[in-house]
């Protein structure tokens, strides 16, 4: 886990003080595999999974009236499933798009004015490189596991206030499912 000079983790010390909260209104995509992992984890924690997931154009955690993710614990200010949280949550503040014209998965970083963690990563190039590699792995796994309908729906979601930081070749199996 990334650490600052005081030995404290960015993920808690920075993100827990954020007022924008990526745990609000984000609707991270869930594959069938991730839903099972989450359900198994929650059952082991003796937490109900009733009404936990929403299946619309793609599957994602439900949200409360304030748009907070159902997996977010307002009492602690932490993710209740941190160790098994969704891939895009693990990847954040790195997000993605797929450019079928170039055959690339494009990786974007949120701008510092909307994400304090992104601002720190941008300034700390070594940490950004480390985080991008982990994010890349999470996102590539996600796009391989999502069905075509879900992936196409996710690609329609705008990601304002981001900028491109890297790209990868689009895995052949992903291109094939998107073009079919």
N, C-alpha and C. Protein backbone atom coordinates (compact mmCIF):
# COMPACT_ATOMS: atom_id res chain seq x y z
N UNK A 1 0.85 -1.18 0.00
CA UNK A 1 0.00 0.00 0.00
C UNK A 1 0.89 1.24 0.00
N UNK A 2 0.45 2.24 -0.70
CA UNK A 2 1.22 3.47 -0.78
C UNK A 2 1.28 4.17 0.57
N UNK A 3 2.44 4.74 0.88
CA UNK A 3 2.59 5.43 2.16
C UNK A 3 3.18 6.82 1.93
N UNK A 4 2.82 7.74 2.80
CA UNK A 4 3.44 9.06 2.72
C UNK A 4 4.65 9.09 3.65
N UNK A 5 5.25 10.23 3.81
CA UNK A 5 6.47 10.33 4.64
C UNK A 5 6.23 10.01 6.10
N UNK A 6 5.00 10.09 6.55
CA UNK A 6 4.70 9.79 7.95
C UNK A 6 4.32 8.33 8.17
N UNK A 7 4.38 7.52 7.11
CA UNK A 7 4.05 6.11 7.25
C UNK A 7 2.56 5.84 7.31
N UNK A 8 1.73 6.81 6.96
CA UNK A 8 0.29 6.62 6.97
C UNK A 8 -0.17 6.35 5.56
N UNK A 9 -1.21 5.55 5.44
CA UNK A 9 -1.65 5.18 4.09
C UNK A 9 -2.44 6.29 3.45
N UNK A 10 -2.20 6.49 2.17
CA UNK A 10 -2.97 7.46 1.39
C UNK A 10 -4.45 7.08 1.42
N UNK A 11 -4.72 5.80 1.23
CA UNK A 11 -6.11 5.39 1.06
C UNK A 11 -7.01 5.76 2.24
N UNK A 12 -6.49 5.78 3.43
CA UNK A 12 -7.34 6.20 4.55
C UNK A 12 -7.13 7.66 4.90
N UNK A 13 -5.90 8.05 5.08
CA UNK A 13 -5.62 9.41 5.57
C UNK A 13 -6.02 10.49 4.59
N UNK A 14 -5.96 10.23 3.32
CA UNK A 14 -6.38 11.22 2.34
C UNK A 14 -7.84 11.00 1.96
N UNK A 15 -8.17 9.79 1.57
CA UNK A 15 -9.52 9.54 1.05
C UNK A 15 -10.60 9.70 2.12
N UNK A 16 -10.32 9.38 3.36
CA UNK A 16 -11.35 9.49 4.39
C UNK A 16 -11.68 10.94 4.74
N UNK A 17 -10.82 11.86 4.35
CA UNK A 17 -11.08 13.27 4.61
C UNK A 17 -11.69 13.98 3.41
N UNK A 18 -11.88 13.26 2.33
CA UNK A 18 -12.40 13.83 1.09
C UNK A 18 -13.89 14.11 1.23
N UNK A 19 -14.31 15.26 0.74
CA UNK A 19 -15.73 15.60 0.80
C UNK A 19 -16.46 15.23 -0.48
N UNK A 20 -15.73 14.88 -1.53
CA UNK A 20 -16.37 14.50 -2.79
C UNK A 20 -16.81 13.04 -2.73
N UNK A 21 -16.02 12.23 -2.16
CA UNK A 21 -16.34 10.83 -1.92
C UNK A 21 -16.63 10.01 -3.18
N UNK A 22 -15.66 9.24 -3.62
CA UNK A 22 -15.87 8.38 -4.78
C UNK A 22 -16.83 7.24 -4.44
N UNK A 23 -17.19 7.09 -3.18
CA UNK A 23 -18.15 6.07 -2.76
C UNK A 23 -19.59 6.57 -2.92
N UNK A 24 -19.73 7.69 -3.55
CA UNK A 24 -21.04 8.31 -3.70
C UNK A 24 -21.34 8.53 -5.18
N UNK A 25 -22.41 7.90 -5.65
CA UNK A 25 -22.85 8.08 -7.03
C UNK A 25 -21.97 7.43 -8.08
N UNK A 26 -21.09 6.53 -7.70
CA UNK A 26 -20.15 5.95 -8.65
C UNK A 26 -20.67 4.70 -9.36
N UNK A 27 -21.41 3.87 -8.68
CA UNK A 27 -21.95 2.63 -9.24
C UNK A 27 -20.89 1.76 -9.91
N UNK A 28 -19.91 1.27 -9.16
CA UNK A 28 -18.85 0.46 -9.76
C UNK A 28 -19.41 -0.83 -10.37
N UNK A 29 -18.97 -1.17 -11.57
CA UNK A 29 -19.48 -2.38 -12.23
C UNK A 29 -19.07 -3.64 -11.49
N UNK A 30 -19.97 -4.61 -11.52
CA UNK A 30 -19.72 -5.89 -10.87
C UNK A 30 -19.91 -7.03 -11.87
N UNK A 31 -18.93 -7.87 -11.98
CA UNK A 31 -19.06 -9.08 -12.77
C UNK A 31 -19.77 -10.11 -11.90
N UNK A 32 -20.23 -11.18 -12.51
CA UNK A 32 -20.85 -12.27 -11.74
C UNK A 32 -19.85 -12.83 -10.73
N UNK A 33 -18.60 -12.91 -11.14
CA UNK A 33 -17.53 -13.42 -10.26
C UNK A 33 -17.36 -12.50 -9.04
N UNK A 34 -17.32 -11.18 -9.26
CA UNK A 34 -17.16 -10.24 -8.15
C UNK A 34 -18.37 -10.25 -7.23
N UNK A 35 -19.58 -10.37 -7.79
CA UNK A 35 -20.78 -10.44 -6.95
C UNK A 35 -20.72 -11.65 -6.03
N UNK A 36 -20.24 -12.77 -6.53
CA UNK A 36 -20.11 -13.97 -5.69
C UNK A 36 -19.07 -13.75 -4.61
N UNK A 37 -17.95 -13.16 -4.96
CA UNK A 37 -16.90 -12.87 -3.97
C UNK A 37 -17.46 -11.97 -2.87
N UNK A 38 -18.18 -10.92 -3.27
CA UNK A 38 -18.77 -9.99 -2.31
C UNK A 38 -19.81 -10.69 -1.43
N UNK A 39 -20.69 -11.46 -2.05
CA UNK A 39 -21.73 -12.16 -1.30
C UNK A 39 -21.12 -13.15 -0.29
N UNK A 40 -20.12 -13.90 -0.73
CA UNK A 40 -19.45 -14.85 0.18
C UNK A 40 -18.78 -14.11 1.34
N UNK A 41 -18.12 -13.01 1.04
CA UNK A 41 -17.45 -12.22 2.08
C UNK A 41 -18.47 -11.68 3.08
N UNK A 42 -19.56 -11.14 2.56
CA UNK A 42 -20.58 -10.56 3.43
C UNK A 42 -21.26 -11.62 4.28
N UNK A 43 -21.50 -12.78 3.71
CA UNK A 43 -22.09 -13.86 4.50
C UNK A 43 -21.14 -14.30 5.60
N UNK A 44 -19.85 -14.35 5.30
CA UNK A 44 -18.85 -14.71 6.32
C UNK A 44 -18.81 -13.67 7.43
N UNK A 45 -19.12 -12.40 7.09
CA UNK A 45 -19.16 -11.32 8.07
C UNK A 45 -20.53 -11.21 8.74
N UNK A 46 -21.43 -12.12 8.36
CA UNK A 46 -22.80 -12.14 8.87
C UNK A 46 -23.55 -10.85 8.53
N UNK A 47 -23.31 -10.37 7.30
CA UNK A 47 -23.97 -9.18 6.78
C UNK A 47 -24.97 -9.60 5.72
N UNK A 48 -26.13 -9.03 5.76
CA UNK A 48 -27.16 -9.37 4.77
C UNK A 48 -26.76 -8.87 3.39
N UNK A 49 -27.09 -9.68 2.39
CA UNK A 49 -26.86 -9.28 1.01
C UNK A 49 -28.19 -8.92 0.32
N UNK A 50 -29.27 -8.88 1.08
CA UNK A 50 -30.57 -8.53 0.51
C UNK A 50 -30.54 -7.12 -0.05
N UNK A 51 -31.02 -6.96 -1.25
CA UNK A 51 -31.09 -5.66 -1.93
C UNK A 51 -29.73 -4.97 -2.02
N UNK A 52 -28.68 -5.74 -2.06
CA UNK A 52 -27.32 -5.19 -2.09
C UNK A 52 -26.88 -4.81 -3.51
N UNK A 53 -27.41 -5.52 -4.51
CA UNK A 53 -26.98 -5.32 -5.88
C UNK A 53 -28.13 -4.87 -6.77
N UNK A 54 -27.80 -4.08 -7.77
CA UNK A 54 -28.77 -3.60 -8.76
C UNK A 54 -28.34 -4.13 -10.11
N UNK A 55 -29.28 -4.69 -10.84
CA UNK A 55 -29.00 -5.18 -12.19
C UNK A 55 -29.79 -4.35 -13.18
N UNK A 56 -29.12 -3.37 -13.77
CA UNK A 56 -29.75 -2.51 -14.78
C UNK A 56 -29.05 -2.82 -16.10
N UNK A 57 -28.50 -1.82 -16.75
CA UNK A 57 -27.74 -2.08 -17.98
C UNK A 57 -26.42 -2.78 -17.65
N UNK A 58 -26.02 -2.67 -16.40
CA UNK A 58 -24.91 -3.44 -15.86
C UNK A 58 -25.15 -3.59 -14.36
N UNK A 59 -24.52 -4.56 -13.76
CA UNK A 59 -24.71 -4.83 -12.34
C UNK A 59 -23.76 -3.96 -11.51
N UNK A 60 -24.28 -3.42 -10.40
CA UNK A 60 -23.48 -2.59 -9.50
C UNK A 60 -24.09 -2.63 -8.11
N UNK A 61 -23.33 -2.19 -7.09
CA UNK A 61 -23.90 -2.15 -5.74
C UNK A 61 -25.06 -1.15 -5.69
N UNK A 62 -26.04 -1.45 -4.87
CA UNK A 62 -27.15 -0.52 -4.67
C UNK A 62 -26.61 0.73 -3.98
N UNK A 63 -27.42 1.77 -3.95
CA UNK A 63 -27.05 3.01 -3.27
C UNK A 63 -28.19 3.44 -2.36
N UNK A 64 -27.87 4.19 -1.32
CA UNK A 64 -28.91 4.68 -0.42
C UNK A 64 -29.49 5.99 -0.95
N UNK A 65 -30.37 6.59 -0.20
CA UNK A 65 -31.04 7.83 -0.64
C UNK A 65 -30.05 8.98 -0.87
N UNK A 66 -28.91 8.94 -0.20
CA UNK A 66 -27.88 9.98 -0.38
C UNK A 66 -26.88 9.60 -1.47
N UNK A 67 -27.17 8.52 -2.20
CA UNK A 67 -26.33 8.00 -3.28
C UNK A 67 -25.03 7.35 -2.81
N UNK A 68 -24.91 7.04 -1.51
CA UNK A 68 -23.74 6.33 -1.03
C UNK A 68 -23.86 4.86 -1.41
N UNK A 69 -22.76 4.28 -1.83
CA UNK A 69 -22.69 2.86 -2.16
C UNK A 69 -23.14 2.04 -0.95
N UNK A 70 -23.89 0.99 -1.20
CA UNK A 70 -24.37 0.12 -0.13
C UNK A 70 -23.21 -0.56 0.61
N UNK A 71 -22.05 -0.59 -0.01
CA UNK A 71 -20.88 -1.21 0.62
C UNK A 71 -20.10 -0.24 1.51
N UNK A 72 -20.48 1.03 1.48
CA UNK A 72 -19.80 2.06 2.28
C UNK A 72 -20.44 2.11 3.67
N UNK A 73 -19.62 2.07 4.69
CA UNK A 73 -20.09 2.14 6.07
C UNK A 73 -19.97 3.59 6.54
N UNK A 74 -21.10 4.28 6.62
CA UNK A 74 -21.08 5.70 7.01
C UNK A 74 -20.56 5.89 8.44
N UNK A 75 -20.77 4.92 9.30
CA UNK A 75 -20.33 5.04 10.69
C UNK A 75 -18.80 5.09 10.80
N UNK A 76 -18.12 4.30 9.97
CA UNK A 76 -16.65 4.25 10.04
C UNK A 76 -15.99 5.09 8.96
N UNK A 77 -16.75 5.43 7.92
CA UNK A 77 -16.18 6.16 6.80
C UNK A 77 -15.29 5.28 5.93
N UNK A 78 -15.51 3.98 6.01
CA UNK A 78 -14.69 3.03 5.27
C UNK A 78 -15.57 2.09 4.45
N UNK A 79 -14.95 1.45 3.49
CA UNK A 79 -15.62 0.42 2.71
C UNK A 79 -15.78 -0.82 3.59
N UNK A 80 -16.99 -1.34 3.65
CA UNK A 80 -17.23 -2.51 4.50
C UNK A 80 -16.69 -3.79 3.89
N UNK A 81 -16.31 -3.75 2.63
CA UNK A 81 -15.77 -4.93 1.95
C UNK A 81 -14.40 -4.61 1.34
N UNK A 82 -13.64 -3.76 2.03
CA UNK A 82 -12.38 -3.24 1.50
C UNK A 82 -11.49 -4.32 0.88
N UNK A 83 -11.33 -5.44 1.54
CA UNK A 83 -10.40 -6.46 1.05
C UNK A 83 -10.87 -7.14 -0.23
N UNK A 84 -12.17 -7.05 -0.55
CA UNK A 84 -12.70 -7.68 -1.76
C UNK A 84 -13.48 -6.69 -2.63
N UNK A 85 -13.22 -5.41 -2.45
CA UNK A 85 -14.01 -4.37 -3.14
C UNK A 85 -13.89 -4.49 -4.66
N UNK A 86 -14.84 -3.89 -5.39
CA UNK A 86 -14.85 -3.97 -6.85
C UNK A 86 -13.57 -3.45 -7.50
N UNK A 87 -13.31 -3.96 -8.69
CA UNK A 87 -12.09 -3.63 -9.42
C UNK A 87 -11.91 -2.14 -9.65
N UNK A 88 -12.97 -1.45 -10.04
CA UNK A 88 -12.80 -0.01 -10.31
C UNK A 88 -12.54 0.76 -9.03
N UNK A 89 -13.02 0.25 -7.91
CA UNK A 89 -12.71 0.88 -6.62
C UNK A 89 -11.24 0.69 -6.29
N UNK A 90 -10.72 -0.48 -6.57
CA UNK A 90 -9.30 -0.74 -6.35
C UNK A 90 -8.43 0.12 -7.27
N UNK A 91 -8.91 0.33 -8.48
CA UNK A 91 -8.15 1.08 -9.48
C UNK A 91 -8.19 2.58 -9.26
N UNK A 92 -9.25 3.07 -8.63
CA UNK A 92 -9.43 4.52 -8.48
C UNK A 92 -8.23 5.18 -7.84
N UNK A 93 -7.92 6.37 -8.27
CA UNK A 93 -8.60 7.30 -9.15
C UNK A 93 -8.26 7.12 -10.63
N UNK A 94 -7.78 5.94 -10.99
CA UNK A 94 -7.55 5.62 -12.40
C UNK A 94 -8.83 5.03 -12.95
N UNK A 95 -9.23 5.50 -14.11
CA UNK A 95 -10.41 5.00 -14.79
C UNK A 95 -10.01 4.63 -16.21
N UNK A 96 -10.98 4.21 -17.03
CA UNK A 96 -10.61 3.71 -18.35
C UNK A 96 -11.67 4.03 -19.41
N UNK A 97 -11.24 3.87 -20.63
CA UNK A 97 -12.13 3.89 -21.79
C UNK A 97 -11.53 2.92 -22.80
N UNK A 98 -12.33 2.54 -23.77
CA UNK A 98 -11.84 1.65 -24.82
C UNK A 98 -12.01 2.38 -26.15
N UNK A 99 -10.93 2.47 -26.90
CA UNK A 99 -10.95 3.11 -28.20
C UNK A 99 -10.88 2.01 -29.25
N UNK A 100 -12.02 1.69 -29.83
CA UNK A 100 -12.06 0.62 -30.83
C UNK A 100 -11.35 1.00 -32.12
N UNK A 101 -11.24 2.29 -32.41
CA UNK A 101 -10.55 2.73 -33.63
C UNK A 101 -9.06 2.43 -33.55
N UNK A 102 -8.49 2.62 -32.36
CA UNK A 102 -7.05 2.37 -32.19
C UNK A 102 -6.77 0.99 -31.63
N UNK A 103 -7.80 0.32 -31.12
CA UNK A 103 -7.61 -0.99 -30.50
C UNK A 103 -6.88 -0.91 -29.17
N UNK A 104 -7.17 0.17 -28.42
CA UNK A 104 -6.47 0.40 -27.15
C UNK A 104 -7.44 0.54 -25.98
N UNK A 105 -6.99 0.09 -24.84
CA UNK A 105 -7.62 0.42 -23.57
C UNK A 105 -6.87 1.65 -23.10
N UNK A 106 -7.59 2.73 -22.86
CA UNK A 106 -6.97 3.97 -22.43
C UNK A 106 -7.21 4.17 -20.94
N UNK A 107 -6.16 4.54 -20.22
CA UNK A 107 -6.24 4.74 -18.78
C UNK A 107 -6.17 6.24 -18.49
N UNK A 108 -7.06 6.69 -17.62
CA UNK A 108 -7.17 8.10 -17.29
C UNK A 108 -7.03 8.29 -15.78
N UNK A 109 -6.47 9.43 -15.38
CA UNK A 109 -6.36 9.81 -13.98
C UNK A 109 -7.31 10.97 -13.73
N UNK A 110 -8.05 10.91 -12.65
CA UNK A 110 -8.92 12.03 -12.29
C UNK A 110 -8.05 13.24 -11.97
N UNK A 111 -8.57 14.40 -12.20
CA UNK A 111 -7.82 15.62 -11.91
C UNK A 111 -7.80 15.88 -10.40
N UNK A 112 -6.74 16.50 -9.95
CA UNK A 112 -6.53 16.77 -8.53
C UNK A 112 -7.63 17.57 -7.88
N UNK A 113 -8.30 18.45 -8.63
CA UNK A 113 -9.36 19.26 -8.02
C UNK A 113 -10.60 18.45 -7.67
N UNK A 114 -10.75 17.26 -8.23
CA UNK A 114 -11.89 16.42 -7.84
C UNK A 114 -11.47 15.21 -7.01
N UNK A 115 -10.16 14.98 -6.91
CA UNK A 115 -9.68 13.82 -6.14
C UNK A 115 -8.32 14.14 -5.55
N UNK A 116 -8.27 14.31 -4.24
CA UNK A 116 -7.01 14.63 -3.55
C UNK A 116 -5.97 13.53 -3.75
N UNK A 117 -6.42 12.28 -3.73
CA UNK A 117 -5.50 11.16 -3.93
C UNK A 117 -4.87 11.24 -5.32
N UNK A 118 -5.67 11.57 -6.33
CA UNK A 118 -5.13 11.69 -7.69
C UNK A 118 -4.08 12.80 -7.75
N UNK A 119 -4.34 13.90 -7.06
CA UNK A 119 -3.38 14.99 -7.04
C UNK A 119 -2.05 14.57 -6.44
N UNK A 120 -2.10 13.80 -5.37
CA UNK A 120 -0.88 13.33 -4.73
C UNK A 120 -0.16 12.32 -5.64
N UNK A 121 -0.94 11.43 -6.25
CA UNK A 121 -0.32 10.46 -7.16
C UNK A 121 0.37 11.19 -8.32
N UNK A 122 -0.28 12.20 -8.86
CA UNK A 122 0.29 12.94 -9.98
C UNK A 122 1.63 13.58 -9.61
N UNK A 123 1.73 14.07 -8.40
CA UNK A 123 2.98 14.70 -7.93
C UNK A 123 4.06 13.68 -7.59
N UNK A 124 3.65 12.48 -7.20
CA UNK A 124 4.58 11.43 -6.79
C UNK A 124 4.64 10.39 -7.90
N UNK A 125 5.52 10.62 -8.87
CA UNK A 125 5.57 9.79 -10.08
C UNK A 125 5.83 8.31 -9.78
N UNK A 126 6.64 8.01 -8.79
CA UNK A 126 6.90 6.61 -8.46
C UNK A 126 5.63 5.93 -7.93
N UNK A 127 4.89 6.64 -7.08
CA UNK A 127 3.64 6.08 -6.57
C UNK A 127 2.60 5.95 -7.67
N UNK A 128 2.56 6.93 -8.57
CA UNK A 128 1.62 6.85 -9.70
C UNK A 128 1.94 5.64 -10.56
N UNK A 129 3.20 5.43 -10.85
CA UNK A 129 3.59 4.27 -11.66
C UNK A 129 3.17 2.97 -10.99
N UNK A 130 3.42 2.87 -9.70
CA UNK A 130 3.05 1.67 -8.94
C UNK A 130 1.53 1.48 -8.93
N UNK A 131 0.80 2.56 -8.68
CA UNK A 131 -0.66 2.47 -8.63
C UNK A 131 -1.24 2.16 -10.01
N UNK A 132 -0.68 2.75 -11.05
CA UNK A 132 -1.17 2.50 -12.40
C UNK A 132 -1.01 1.02 -12.77
N UNK A 133 0.07 0.41 -12.40
CA UNK A 133 0.26 -1.01 -12.71
C UNK A 133 -0.80 -1.87 -12.02
N UNK A 134 -1.09 -1.56 -10.77
CA UNK A 134 -2.14 -2.31 -10.06
C UNK A 134 -3.51 -2.02 -10.68
N UNK A 135 -3.77 -0.76 -11.01
CA UNK A 135 -5.05 -0.37 -11.63
C UNK A 135 -5.21 -1.04 -12.98
N UNK A 136 -4.16 -1.07 -13.75
CA UNK A 136 -4.19 -1.70 -15.08
C UNK A 136 -4.61 -3.17 -14.96
N UNK A 137 -4.02 -3.87 -14.01
CA UNK A 137 -4.35 -5.28 -13.80
C UNK A 137 -5.82 -5.46 -13.42
N UNK A 138 -6.30 -4.62 -12.52
CA UNK A 138 -7.71 -4.69 -12.09
C UNK A 138 -8.66 -4.41 -13.26
N UNK A 139 -8.37 -3.35 -14.01
CA UNK A 139 -9.26 -2.94 -15.10
C UNK A 139 -9.24 -3.95 -16.24
N UNK A 140 -8.07 -4.45 -16.60
CA UNK A 140 -8.01 -5.45 -17.67
C UNK A 140 -8.75 -6.72 -17.28
N UNK A 141 -8.64 -7.11 -16.02
CA UNK A 141 -9.40 -8.27 -15.56
C UNK A 141 -10.90 -8.01 -15.62
N UNK A 142 -11.30 -6.82 -15.21
CA UNK A 142 -12.71 -6.44 -15.24
C UNK A 142 -13.27 -6.49 -16.66
N UNK A 143 -12.58 -5.87 -17.61
CA UNK A 143 -13.14 -5.82 -18.96
C UNK A 143 -13.14 -7.20 -19.63
N UNK A 144 -12.26 -8.08 -19.21
CA UNK A 144 -12.30 -9.45 -19.72
C UNK A 144 -13.51 -10.20 -19.17
N UNK A 145 -13.85 -9.94 -17.91
CA UNK A 145 -14.92 -10.69 -17.24
C UNK A 145 -16.32 -10.14 -17.49
N UNK A 146 -16.44 -8.87 -17.85
CA UNK A 146 -17.77 -8.30 -18.09
C UNK A 146 -18.34 -8.83 -19.40
N UNK A 147 -19.67 -9.02 -19.43
CA UNK A 147 -20.27 -9.39 -20.71
C UNK A 147 -20.34 -8.15 -21.60
N UNK A 148 -20.57 -8.36 -22.88
CA UNK A 148 -20.54 -7.27 -23.86
C UNK A 148 -21.57 -6.19 -23.56
N UNK A 149 -22.77 -6.59 -23.16
CA UNK A 149 -23.83 -5.61 -22.89
C UNK A 149 -23.43 -4.69 -21.74
N UNK A 150 -22.92 -5.27 -20.67
CA UNK A 150 -22.50 -4.47 -19.52
C UNK A 150 -21.34 -3.56 -19.89
N UNK A 151 -20.36 -4.10 -20.59
CA UNK A 151 -19.19 -3.30 -20.95
C UNK A 151 -19.59 -2.13 -21.86
N UNK A 152 -20.45 -2.37 -22.82
CA UNK A 152 -20.92 -1.30 -23.71
C UNK A 152 -21.65 -0.22 -22.91
N UNK A 153 -22.45 -0.61 -21.93
CA UNK A 153 -23.16 0.37 -21.09
C UNK A 153 -22.18 1.20 -20.27
N UNK A 154 -21.18 0.56 -19.72
CA UNK A 154 -20.18 1.26 -18.90
C UNK A 154 -19.39 2.26 -19.74
N UNK A 155 -19.10 1.90 -20.97
CA UNK A 155 -18.33 2.79 -21.84
C UNK A 155 -19.11 4.04 -22.22
N UNK A 156 -20.42 4.05 -21.98
CA UNK A 156 -21.23 5.24 -22.26
C UNK A 156 -21.23 6.24 -21.11
N UNK A 157 -20.69 5.85 -19.97
CA UNK A 157 -20.68 6.72 -18.79
C UNK A 157 -19.56 7.76 -18.95
N UNK A 158 -19.91 9.03 -18.90
CA UNK A 158 -18.86 10.06 -19.06
C UNK A 158 -17.93 10.08 -17.84
N UNK A 159 -16.69 10.37 -18.10
CA UNK A 159 -15.68 10.51 -17.04
C UNK A 159 -15.07 11.90 -17.15
N UNK A 160 -15.79 12.92 -16.70
CA UNK A 160 -15.25 14.28 -16.82
C UNK A 160 -14.08 14.49 -15.86
N UNK A 161 -13.33 15.50 -16.14
CA UNK A 161 -12.21 15.91 -15.31
C UNK A 161 -11.20 14.79 -15.09
N UNK A 162 -10.84 14.16 -16.21
CA UNK A 162 -9.78 13.16 -16.21
C UNK A 162 -8.83 13.48 -17.35
N UNK A 163 -7.64 12.89 -17.32
CA UNK A 163 -6.71 13.02 -18.44
C UNK A 163 -6.00 11.70 -18.64
N UNK A 164 -5.67 11.43 -19.89
CA UNK A 164 -5.07 10.16 -20.28
C UNK A 164 -3.63 10.07 -19.76
N UNK A 165 -3.34 8.91 -19.16
CA UNK A 165 -1.98 8.70 -18.63
C UNK A 165 -1.28 7.49 -19.24
N UNK A 166 -2.05 6.60 -19.87
CA UNK A 166 -1.44 5.39 -20.44
C UNK A 166 -2.45 4.69 -21.34
N UNK A 167 -1.95 3.70 -22.06
CA UNK A 167 -2.82 2.86 -22.86
C UNK A 167 -2.20 1.49 -23.02
N UNK A 168 -3.04 0.52 -23.32
CA UNK A 168 -2.63 -0.87 -23.56
C UNK A 168 -3.33 -1.36 -24.80
N UNK A 169 -2.77 -2.38 -25.40
CA UNK A 169 -3.49 -3.05 -26.47
C UNK A 169 -4.77 -3.64 -25.88
N UNK A 170 -5.85 -3.54 -26.62
CA UNK A 170 -7.11 -4.12 -26.20
C UNK A 170 -7.01 -5.63 -26.35
N UNK A 171 -7.27 -6.38 -25.29
CA UNK A 171 -7.22 -7.83 -25.42
C UNK A 171 -8.16 -8.30 -26.55
N UNK A 172 -7.69 -9.23 -27.35
CA UNK A 172 -8.42 -9.70 -28.52
C UNK A 172 -9.83 -10.16 -28.16
N UNK A 173 -9.97 -10.90 -27.06
CA UNK A 173 -11.28 -11.42 -26.68
C UNK A 173 -12.25 -10.30 -26.30
N UNK A 174 -11.73 -9.19 -25.80
CA UNK A 174 -12.57 -8.05 -25.46
C UNK A 174 -13.04 -7.35 -26.73
N UNK A 175 -12.11 -7.16 -27.66
CA UNK A 175 -12.46 -6.54 -28.95
C UNK A 175 -13.52 -7.36 -29.66
N UNK A 176 -13.35 -8.67 -29.65
CA UNK A 176 -14.31 -9.55 -30.34
C UNK A 176 -15.70 -9.44 -29.72
N UNK A 177 -15.79 -9.41 -28.40
CA UNK A 177 -17.12 -9.34 -27.80
C UNK A 177 -17.76 -7.97 -28.01
N UNK A 178 -16.96 -6.91 -28.06
CA UNK A 178 -17.51 -5.57 -28.30
C UNK A 178 -17.97 -5.39 -29.74
N UNK A 179 -17.33 -6.07 -30.67
CA UNK A 179 -17.67 -5.92 -32.08
C UNK A 179 -18.76 -6.90 -32.54
N UNK A 180 -19.11 -7.83 -31.67
CA UNK A 180 -20.13 -8.81 -32.08
C UNK A 180 -21.54 -8.32 -31.83
